[in-house]
């Protein structure tokens, strides 16, 4: 997959039922931020599944589980939102932001995000667009969505 996006200007993240859980999807999202590429997400669950011929339930946007925050040293870093046991009750779960373990070096704040105060995380989904392939006519508009994402980061 790495070679497939190496020379691209933008990365299109497909949003399926479980895409948000993939370590490799998160890694490619992180690489897009590191390499200052445009990002967009395209929901594909409105398409009929190849075997069942019916759409599956929509999944979580992978760009909602990856983010950027400003560290105490003034640099920006990648973060990952995880579904973990609650601090107050181990029988319950909650979303919590953690430092992205696979890349701990500073990154640039993507131009489509707004810096948040007090080291709060800006999820990439707050600035990168999400499209539905069927409802938003992806067959005819996918190219323009990718171009828009690339232009937003100056590519």
N, C-alpha and C. Protein backbone atom coordinates (compact mmCIF):
# COMPACT_ATOMS: atom_id res chain seq x y z
N UNK A 1 0.83 -1.19 0.00
CA UNK A 1 0.00 0.00 0.00
C UNK A 1 0.88 1.25 0.00
N UNK A 2 2.01 1.20 0.69
CA UNK A 2 2.91 2.36 0.81
C UNK A 2 3.29 2.89 -0.56
N UNK A 3 3.66 1.99 -1.48
CA UNK A 3 4.08 2.42 -2.81
C UNK A 3 2.92 3.05 -3.59
N UNK A 4 1.71 2.60 -3.31
CA UNK A 4 0.54 3.09 -4.02
C UNK A 4 0.21 4.55 -3.75
N UNK A 5 0.61 5.06 -2.60
CA UNK A 5 0.29 6.45 -2.25
C UNK A 5 1.53 7.33 -2.14
N UNK A 6 2.69 6.75 -2.44
CA UNK A 6 3.95 7.47 -2.26
C UNK A 6 4.02 8.80 -3.00
N UNK A 7 3.55 8.85 -4.23
CA UNK A 7 3.66 10.06 -5.04
C UNK A 7 2.32 10.79 -5.20
N UNK A 8 1.37 10.47 -4.35
CA UNK A 8 0.05 11.10 -4.45
C UNK A 8 0.03 12.46 -3.75
N UNK A 9 -0.95 13.26 -4.12
CA UNK A 9 -1.14 14.57 -3.49
C UNK A 9 -2.18 14.52 -2.38
N UNK A 10 -3.00 13.47 -2.41
CA UNK A 10 -4.06 13.32 -1.42
C UNK A 10 -4.28 11.83 -1.16
N UNK A 11 -4.79 11.54 0.01
CA UNK A 11 -5.13 10.16 0.38
C UNK A 11 -6.63 10.09 0.62
N UNK A 12 -7.27 9.16 -0.09
CA UNK A 12 -8.70 8.93 0.04
C UNK A 12 -8.90 7.72 0.95
N UNK A 13 -9.51 7.95 2.09
CA UNK A 13 -9.75 6.89 3.07
C UNK A 13 -11.16 6.35 2.87
N UNK A 14 -11.27 5.07 2.59
CA UNK A 14 -12.59 4.46 2.43
C UNK A 14 -13.15 4.14 3.81
N UNK A 15 -14.40 4.50 4.02
CA UNK A 15 -15.04 4.29 5.31
C UNK A 15 -16.00 3.11 5.17
N UNK A 16 -15.59 1.98 5.71
CA UNK A 16 -16.43 0.79 5.74
C UNK A 16 -16.91 0.57 7.16
N UNK A 17 -17.46 -0.58 7.43
CA UNK A 17 -17.98 -0.88 8.76
C UNK A 17 -16.89 -0.91 9.82
N UNK A 18 -15.72 -1.45 9.47
CA UNK A 18 -14.66 -1.63 10.47
C UNK A 18 -13.33 -0.99 10.08
N UNK A 19 -13.32 -0.17 9.04
CA UNK A 19 -12.07 0.43 8.56
C UNK A 19 -11.34 1.19 9.66
N UNK A 20 -12.07 1.85 10.54
CA UNK A 20 -11.48 2.68 11.59
C UNK A 20 -10.59 1.87 12.54
N UNK A 21 -10.77 0.56 12.59
CA UNK A 21 -10.00 -0.28 13.50
C UNK A 21 -8.66 -0.74 12.91
N UNK A 22 -8.47 -0.56 11.62
CA UNK A 22 -7.28 -1.08 10.96
C UNK A 22 -6.03 -0.26 11.31
N UNK A 23 -5.03 -0.96 11.81
CA UNK A 23 -3.74 -0.32 12.12
C UNK A 23 -3.13 0.28 10.85
N UNK A 24 -3.31 -0.41 9.72
CA UNK A 24 -2.69 0.04 8.48
C UNK A 24 -3.42 1.26 7.91
N UNK A 25 -4.71 1.33 8.07
CA UNK A 25 -5.45 2.52 7.64
C UNK A 25 -5.00 3.72 8.48
N UNK A 26 -4.88 3.53 9.79
CA UNK A 26 -4.41 4.61 10.66
C UNK A 26 -3.00 5.04 10.27
N UNK A 27 -2.17 4.08 9.92
CA UNK A 27 -0.80 4.40 9.52
C UNK A 27 -0.79 5.26 8.25
N UNK A 28 -1.60 4.90 7.27
CA UNK A 28 -1.64 5.67 6.02
C UNK A 28 -2.21 7.07 6.25
N UNK A 29 -3.16 7.19 7.17
CA UNK A 29 -3.68 8.51 7.55
C UNK A 29 -2.56 9.33 8.18
N UNK A 30 -1.83 8.70 9.09
CA UNK A 30 -0.70 9.39 9.75
C UNK A 30 0.33 9.83 8.70
N UNK A 31 0.65 8.94 7.75
CA UNK A 31 1.62 9.29 6.71
C UNK A 31 1.12 10.47 5.87
N UNK A 32 -0.17 10.55 5.64
CA UNK A 32 -0.71 11.68 4.87
C UNK A 32 -0.45 12.99 5.61
N UNK A 33 -0.62 12.99 6.92
CA UNK A 33 -0.36 14.20 7.71
C UNK A 33 1.14 14.48 7.72
N UNK A 34 1.95 13.47 7.97
CA UNK A 34 3.41 13.63 8.01
C UNK A 34 3.92 14.19 6.69
N UNK A 35 3.40 13.65 5.59
CA UNK A 35 3.86 14.05 4.26
C UNK A 35 3.11 15.27 3.70
N UNK A 36 2.25 15.87 4.52
CA UNK A 36 1.50 17.08 4.15
C UNK A 36 0.63 16.88 2.91
N UNK A 37 -0.05 15.74 2.89
CA UNK A 37 -0.96 15.42 1.79
C UNK A 37 -2.39 15.75 2.19
N UNK A 38 -3.22 15.95 1.19
CA UNK A 38 -4.63 16.15 1.45
C UNK A 38 -5.27 14.87 1.94
N UNK A 39 -6.36 15.01 2.66
CA UNK A 39 -7.10 13.86 3.19
C UNK A 39 -8.58 14.04 2.92
N UNK A 40 -9.24 12.96 2.57
CA UNK A 40 -10.69 12.94 2.47
C UNK A 40 -11.14 11.53 2.81
N UNK A 41 -12.38 11.42 3.22
CA UNK A 41 -12.97 10.12 3.54
C UNK A 41 -14.19 9.91 2.66
N UNK A 42 -14.36 8.68 2.19
CA UNK A 42 -15.50 8.35 1.34
C UNK A 42 -16.20 7.12 1.92
N UNK A 43 -17.43 7.32 2.34
CA UNK A 43 -18.23 6.22 2.86
C UNK A 43 -18.68 5.31 1.75
N UNK A 44 -18.43 4.02 1.92
CA UNK A 44 -18.78 3.04 0.89
C UNK A 44 -19.88 2.08 1.33
N UNK A 45 -20.39 2.26 2.54
CA UNK A 45 -21.39 1.32 3.04
C UNK A 45 -22.77 1.48 2.40
N UNK A 46 -22.96 2.53 1.62
CA UNK A 46 -24.22 2.66 0.91
C UNK A 46 -24.22 1.83 -0.38
N UNK A 47 -23.06 1.30 -0.73
CA UNK A 47 -22.97 0.39 -1.88
C UNK A 47 -23.40 -1.01 -1.45
N UNK A 48 -24.05 -1.75 -2.33
CA UNK A 48 -24.42 -3.12 -1.96
C UNK A 48 -23.17 -3.98 -1.76
N UNK A 49 -23.17 -4.78 -0.71
CA UNK A 49 -22.06 -5.68 -0.43
C UNK A 49 -21.95 -6.72 -1.54
N UNK A 50 -20.74 -7.11 -1.88
CA UNK A 50 -20.50 -8.02 -2.99
C UNK A 50 -21.18 -9.38 -2.79
N UNK A 51 -21.30 -9.85 -1.55
CA UNK A 51 -21.91 -11.16 -1.31
C UNK A 51 -23.40 -11.07 -0.97
N UNK A 52 -23.74 -10.20 -0.04
CA UNK A 52 -25.15 -10.13 0.41
C UNK A 52 -26.02 -9.29 -0.51
N UNK A 53 -25.41 -8.45 -1.33
CA UNK A 53 -26.12 -7.55 -2.25
C UNK A 53 -26.94 -6.47 -1.54
N UNK A 54 -26.69 -6.29 -0.25
CA UNK A 54 -27.35 -5.21 0.49
C UNK A 54 -26.28 -4.37 1.19
N UNK A 55 -26.55 -3.09 1.41
CA UNK A 55 -25.57 -2.25 2.11
C UNK A 55 -25.37 -2.71 3.55
N UNK A 56 -24.16 -2.55 4.05
CA UNK A 56 -23.86 -2.84 5.45
C UNK A 56 -24.03 -1.56 6.27
N UNK A 57 -24.06 -1.71 7.57
CA UNK A 57 -24.19 -0.52 8.42
C UNK A 57 -22.94 0.34 8.30
N UNK A 58 -23.14 1.64 8.42
CA UNK A 58 -22.02 2.58 8.32
C UNK A 58 -21.08 2.41 9.49
N UNK A 59 -19.80 2.59 9.24
CA UNK A 59 -18.80 2.52 10.29
C UNK A 59 -18.35 3.90 10.72
N UNK A 60 -17.47 3.93 11.67
CA UNK A 60 -16.89 5.18 12.17
C UNK A 60 -15.90 5.72 11.14
N UNK A 61 -15.91 7.00 10.92
CA UNK A 61 -14.97 7.65 10.02
C UNK A 61 -13.56 7.50 10.61
N UNK A 62 -12.63 6.84 9.92
CA UNK A 62 -11.27 6.69 10.45
C UNK A 62 -10.58 8.03 10.75
N UNK A 63 -11.02 9.10 10.07
CA UNK A 63 -10.42 10.42 10.34
C UNK A 63 -10.89 10.99 11.68
N UNK A 64 -11.92 10.38 12.27
CA UNK A 64 -12.39 10.79 13.59
C UNK A 64 -11.57 10.15 14.71
N UNK A 65 -10.80 9.13 14.37
CA UNK A 65 -9.99 8.47 15.40
C UNK A 65 -8.51 8.81 15.29
N UNK A 66 -8.19 9.72 14.39
CA UNK A 66 -6.82 10.24 14.27
C UNK A 66 -6.88 11.76 14.39
N UNK A 67 -5.91 12.33 15.06
CA UNK A 67 -5.93 13.77 15.25
C UNK A 67 -4.56 14.36 15.46
N UNK A 68 -4.54 15.66 15.69
CA UNK A 68 -3.31 16.42 15.92
C UNK A 68 -3.52 17.30 17.14
N UNK A 69 -2.49 17.40 17.97
CA UNK A 69 -2.55 18.27 19.14
C UNK A 69 -1.23 19.02 19.28
N UNK A 70 -1.28 20.14 19.98
CA UNK A 70 -0.08 20.94 20.23
C UNK A 70 0.50 20.55 21.58
N UNK A 71 1.74 20.10 21.57
CA UNK A 71 2.41 19.71 22.80
C UNK A 71 2.85 20.92 23.60
N UNK A 72 3.30 20.67 24.80
CA UNK A 72 3.74 21.76 25.68
C UNK A 72 4.97 22.48 25.14
N UNK A 73 5.70 21.84 24.22
CA UNK A 73 6.87 22.48 23.62
C UNK A 73 6.51 23.34 22.40
N UNK A 74 5.21 23.41 22.06
CA UNK A 74 4.76 24.22 20.94
C UNK A 74 4.70 23.48 19.61
N UNK A 75 5.19 22.25 19.57
CA UNK A 75 5.13 21.45 18.34
C UNK A 75 3.83 20.65 18.30
N UNK A 76 3.45 20.25 17.09
CA UNK A 76 2.25 19.45 16.91
C UNK A 76 2.61 17.97 16.78
N UNK A 77 1.71 17.12 17.27
CA UNK A 77 1.93 15.68 17.26
C UNK A 77 0.65 14.96 16.87
N UNK A 78 0.81 13.72 16.41
CA UNK A 78 -0.33 12.89 16.06
C UNK A 78 -0.92 12.23 17.30
N UNK A 79 -2.22 12.03 17.27
CA UNK A 79 -2.93 11.37 18.37
C UNK A 79 -3.91 10.36 17.78
N UNK A 80 -4.26 9.38 18.61
CA UNK A 80 -5.20 8.34 18.22
C UNK A 80 -6.29 8.24 19.28
N UNK A 81 -7.54 8.23 18.84
CA UNK A 81 -8.68 8.11 19.74
C UNK A 81 -9.02 6.62 19.88
N UNK A 82 -9.02 6.12 21.11
CA UNK A 82 -9.26 4.69 21.33
C UNK A 82 -10.48 4.47 22.22
N UNK A 83 -11.16 3.37 21.98
CA UNK A 83 -12.31 2.93 22.77
C UNK A 83 -11.74 2.04 23.87
N UNK A 84 -11.65 2.59 25.10
CA UNK A 84 -10.95 1.91 26.20
C UNK A 84 -11.83 1.84 27.44
N UNK A 85 -11.48 0.95 28.39
CA UNK A 85 -12.22 0.92 29.65
C UNK A 85 -12.19 2.28 30.34
N UNK A 86 -13.31 2.65 30.93
CA UNK A 86 -13.44 3.92 31.62
C UNK A 86 -12.50 3.98 32.82
N UNK A 87 -11.99 5.15 33.10
CA UNK A 87 -11.13 5.36 34.26
C UNK A 87 -11.92 5.14 35.56
N UNK A 88 -13.18 5.55 35.54
CA UNK A 88 -14.00 5.46 36.75
C UNK A 88 -14.72 4.13 36.92
N UNK A 89 -14.90 3.39 35.82
CA UNK A 89 -15.62 2.13 35.91
C UNK A 89 -15.12 1.19 34.81
N UNK A 90 -14.34 0.19 35.18
CA UNK A 90 -13.71 -0.71 34.22
C UNK A 90 -14.72 -1.52 33.42
N UNK A 91 -15.98 -1.55 33.83
CA UNK A 91 -17.01 -2.28 33.10
C UNK A 91 -17.61 -1.45 31.97
N UNK A 92 -17.30 -0.16 31.96
CA UNK A 92 -17.79 0.73 30.91
C UNK A 92 -16.62 1.16 30.03
N UNK A 93 -16.94 1.58 28.80
CA UNK A 93 -15.91 2.04 27.88
C UNK A 93 -16.15 3.50 27.51
N UNK A 94 -15.08 4.15 27.07
CA UNK A 94 -15.16 5.54 26.65
C UNK A 94 -14.08 5.82 25.61
N UNK A 95 -14.29 6.88 24.84
CA UNK A 95 -13.27 7.32 23.88
C UNK A 95 -12.26 8.19 24.61
N UNK A 96 -10.97 7.91 24.38
CA UNK A 96 -9.90 8.73 24.97
C UNK A 96 -8.77 8.89 23.95
N UNK A 97 -8.21 10.09 23.92
CA UNK A 97 -7.09 10.38 23.03
C UNK A 97 -5.77 9.94 23.67
N UNK A 98 -4.91 9.34 22.84
CA UNK A 98 -3.58 8.91 23.24
C UNK A 98 -2.58 9.40 22.21
N UNK A 99 -1.32 9.50 22.62
CA UNK A 99 -0.25 9.80 21.67
C UNK A 99 -0.20 8.65 20.66
N UNK A 100 -0.09 8.98 19.39
CA UNK A 100 0.01 7.96 18.35
C UNK A 100 1.38 7.30 18.46
N UNK A 101 1.39 6.04 18.84
CA UNK A 101 2.62 5.33 19.17
C UNK A 101 3.52 5.03 17.97
N UNK A 102 2.96 4.96 16.77
CA UNK A 102 3.76 4.58 15.60
C UNK A 102 4.55 5.74 14.99
N UNK A 103 4.33 6.96 15.50
CA UNK A 103 5.10 8.11 15.02
C UNK A 103 5.05 9.18 16.09
N UNK A 104 6.19 9.42 16.74
CA UNK A 104 6.21 10.34 17.88
C UNK A 104 6.94 11.65 17.59
N UNK A 105 7.25 11.91 16.33
CA UNK A 105 7.96 13.13 15.96
C UNK A 105 6.96 14.26 15.66
N UNK A 106 7.41 15.51 15.71
CA UNK A 106 6.51 16.63 15.39
C UNK A 106 6.02 16.57 13.95
N UNK A 107 4.81 17.08 13.74
CA UNK A 107 4.21 17.21 12.41
C UNK A 107 3.72 18.64 12.26
N UNK A 108 3.38 19.01 11.06
CA UNK A 108 2.77 20.32 10.82
C UNK A 108 1.27 20.22 11.04
N UNK A 109 0.67 21.28 11.55
CA UNK A 109 -0.78 21.32 11.67
C UNK A 109 -1.35 21.43 10.26
N UNK A 110 -2.18 20.46 9.84
CA UNK A 110 -2.76 20.55 8.49
C UNK A 110 -3.55 21.85 8.33
N UNK A 111 -3.48 22.48 7.15
CA UNK A 111 -4.16 23.76 6.94
C UNK A 111 -5.68 23.69 7.09
N UNK A 112 -6.25 22.51 7.00
CA UNK A 112 -7.70 22.38 7.12
C UNK A 112 -8.15 22.22 8.58
N UNK A 113 -7.21 22.24 9.54
CA UNK A 113 -7.56 22.14 10.96
C UNK A 113 -7.31 23.45 11.68
N UNK A 114 -8.05 23.65 12.75
CA UNK A 114 -7.87 24.83 13.61
C UNK A 114 -7.17 24.37 14.87
N UNK A 115 -6.14 25.09 15.25
CA UNK A 115 -5.41 24.78 16.48
C UNK A 115 -6.32 24.96 17.68
N UNK A 116 -6.30 23.98 18.58
CA UNK A 116 -7.09 24.07 19.80
C UNK A 116 -6.19 24.41 20.98
N UNK A 117 -6.73 25.15 21.95
CA UNK A 117 -5.92 25.52 23.11
C UNK A 117 -5.73 24.35 24.08
N UNK A 118 -4.80 24.50 24.98
CA UNK A 118 -4.58 23.57 26.10
C UNK A 118 -4.32 22.14 25.67
N UNK A 119 -3.58 21.94 24.61
CA UNK A 119 -3.21 20.61 24.14
C UNK A 119 -4.40 19.73 23.77
N UNK A 120 -5.56 20.34 23.49
CA UNK A 120 -6.72 19.55 23.06
C UNK A 120 -6.49 19.07 21.63
N UNK A 121 -7.01 17.90 21.34
CA UNK A 121 -6.81 17.27 20.04
C UNK A 121 -7.85 17.75 19.04
N UNK A 122 -7.38 18.04 17.84
CA UNK A 122 -8.27 18.32 16.71
C UNK A 122 -8.34 17.03 15.89
N UNK A 123 -9.49 16.39 15.88
CA UNK A 123 -9.67 15.20 15.05
C UNK A 123 -9.55 15.61 13.59
N UNK A 124 -8.94 14.78 12.77
CA UNK A 124 -8.79 15.10 11.36
C UNK A 124 -10.13 15.25 10.67
N UNK A 125 -11.14 14.57 11.19
CA UNK A 125 -12.49 14.67 10.61
C UNK A 125 -13.10 16.06 10.80
N UNK A 126 -12.53 16.88 11.69
CA UNK A 126 -13.05 18.23 11.89
C UNK A 126 -12.75 19.14 10.70
N UNK A 127 -11.76 18.77 9.89
CA UNK A 127 -11.42 19.61 8.75
C UNK A 127 -11.44 18.90 7.42
N UNK A 128 -11.11 17.62 7.42
CA UNK A 128 -11.13 16.85 6.17
C UNK A 128 -12.56 16.42 5.87
N UNK A 129 -12.94 16.48 4.64
CA UNK A 129 -14.34 16.21 4.27
C UNK A 129 -14.64 14.71 4.19
N UNK A 130 -15.89 14.41 4.51
CA UNK A 130 -16.44 13.06 4.39
C UNK A 130 -17.54 13.09 3.34
N UNK A 131 -17.47 12.18 2.39
CA UNK A 131 -18.47 12.06 1.34
C UNK A 131 -19.09 10.67 1.40
N UNK A 132 -20.30 10.55 0.93
CA UNK A 132 -20.93 9.25 0.75
C UNK A 132 -20.88 8.94 -0.74
N UNK A 133 -20.30 7.80 -1.08
CA UNK A 133 -20.08 7.48 -2.49
C UNK A 133 -21.37 7.49 -3.30
N UNK A 134 -22.44 6.93 -2.75
CA UNK A 134 -23.71 6.87 -3.49
C UNK A 134 -24.46 8.19 -3.41
N UNK A 135 -24.70 8.68 -2.20
CA UNK A 135 -25.51 9.89 -2.02
C UNK A 135 -24.88 11.12 -2.64
N UNK A 136 -23.54 11.18 -2.67
CA UNK A 136 -22.85 12.35 -3.21
C UNK A 136 -22.31 12.14 -4.62
N UNK A 137 -22.79 11.10 -5.32
CA UNK A 137 -22.45 10.83 -6.71
C UNK A 137 -20.94 10.65 -6.92
N UNK A 138 -20.36 9.75 -6.13
CA UNK A 138 -18.94 9.48 -6.21
C UNK A 138 -18.47 9.01 -7.58
N UNK A 139 -19.33 8.32 -8.30
CA UNK A 139 -18.96 7.84 -9.63
C UNK A 139 -18.50 9.00 -10.51
N UNK A 140 -19.18 10.13 -10.40
CA UNK A 140 -18.84 11.29 -11.23
C UNK A 140 -18.00 12.35 -10.52
N UNK A 141 -17.97 12.33 -9.19
CA UNK A 141 -17.34 13.43 -8.46
C UNK A 141 -16.08 13.07 -7.68
N UNK A 142 -15.73 11.80 -7.62
CA UNK A 142 -14.57 11.39 -6.82
C UNK A 142 -13.31 12.16 -7.18
N UNK A 143 -13.05 12.34 -8.45
CA UNK A 143 -11.86 13.07 -8.89
C UNK A 143 -11.84 14.50 -8.38
N UNK A 144 -12.97 15.17 -8.40
CA UNK A 144 -13.01 16.56 -7.92
C UNK A 144 -12.85 16.61 -6.40
N UNK A 145 -13.33 15.59 -5.69
CA UNK A 145 -13.14 15.54 -4.23
C UNK A 145 -11.66 15.41 -3.90
N UNK A 146 -10.96 14.56 -4.64
CA UNK A 146 -9.53 14.35 -4.43
C UNK A 146 -8.77 15.63 -4.75
N UNK A 147 -9.10 16.27 -5.88
CA UNK A 147 -8.45 17.53 -6.25
C UNK A 147 -8.64 18.59 -5.18
N UNK A 148 -9.86 18.68 -4.62
CA UNK A 148 -10.15 19.66 -3.58
C UNK A 148 -9.28 19.40 -2.34
N UNK A 149 -9.18 18.14 -1.93
CA UNK A 149 -8.37 17.79 -0.75
C UNK A 149 -6.89 18.16 -1.00
N UNK A 150 -6.41 17.91 -2.19
CA UNK A 150 -5.01 18.23 -2.52
C UNK A 150 -4.77 19.74 -2.51
N UNK A 151 -5.69 20.49 -3.08
CA UNK A 151 -5.56 21.95 -3.13
C UNK A 151 -5.59 22.58 -1.73
N UNK A 152 -6.34 21.97 -0.81
CA UNK A 152 -6.43 22.52 0.55
C UNK A 152 -5.09 22.47 1.28
N UNK A 153 -4.19 21.60 0.84
CA UNK A 153 -2.86 21.53 1.47
C UNK A 153 -1.78 22.08 0.54
N UNK A 154 -2.19 22.75 -0.52
CA UNK A 154 -1.24 23.42 -1.41
C UNK A 154 -0.57 22.50 -2.41
N UNK A 155 -1.21 21.42 -2.77
CA UNK A 155 -0.62 20.49 -3.77
C UNK A 155 -1.36 20.57 -5.08
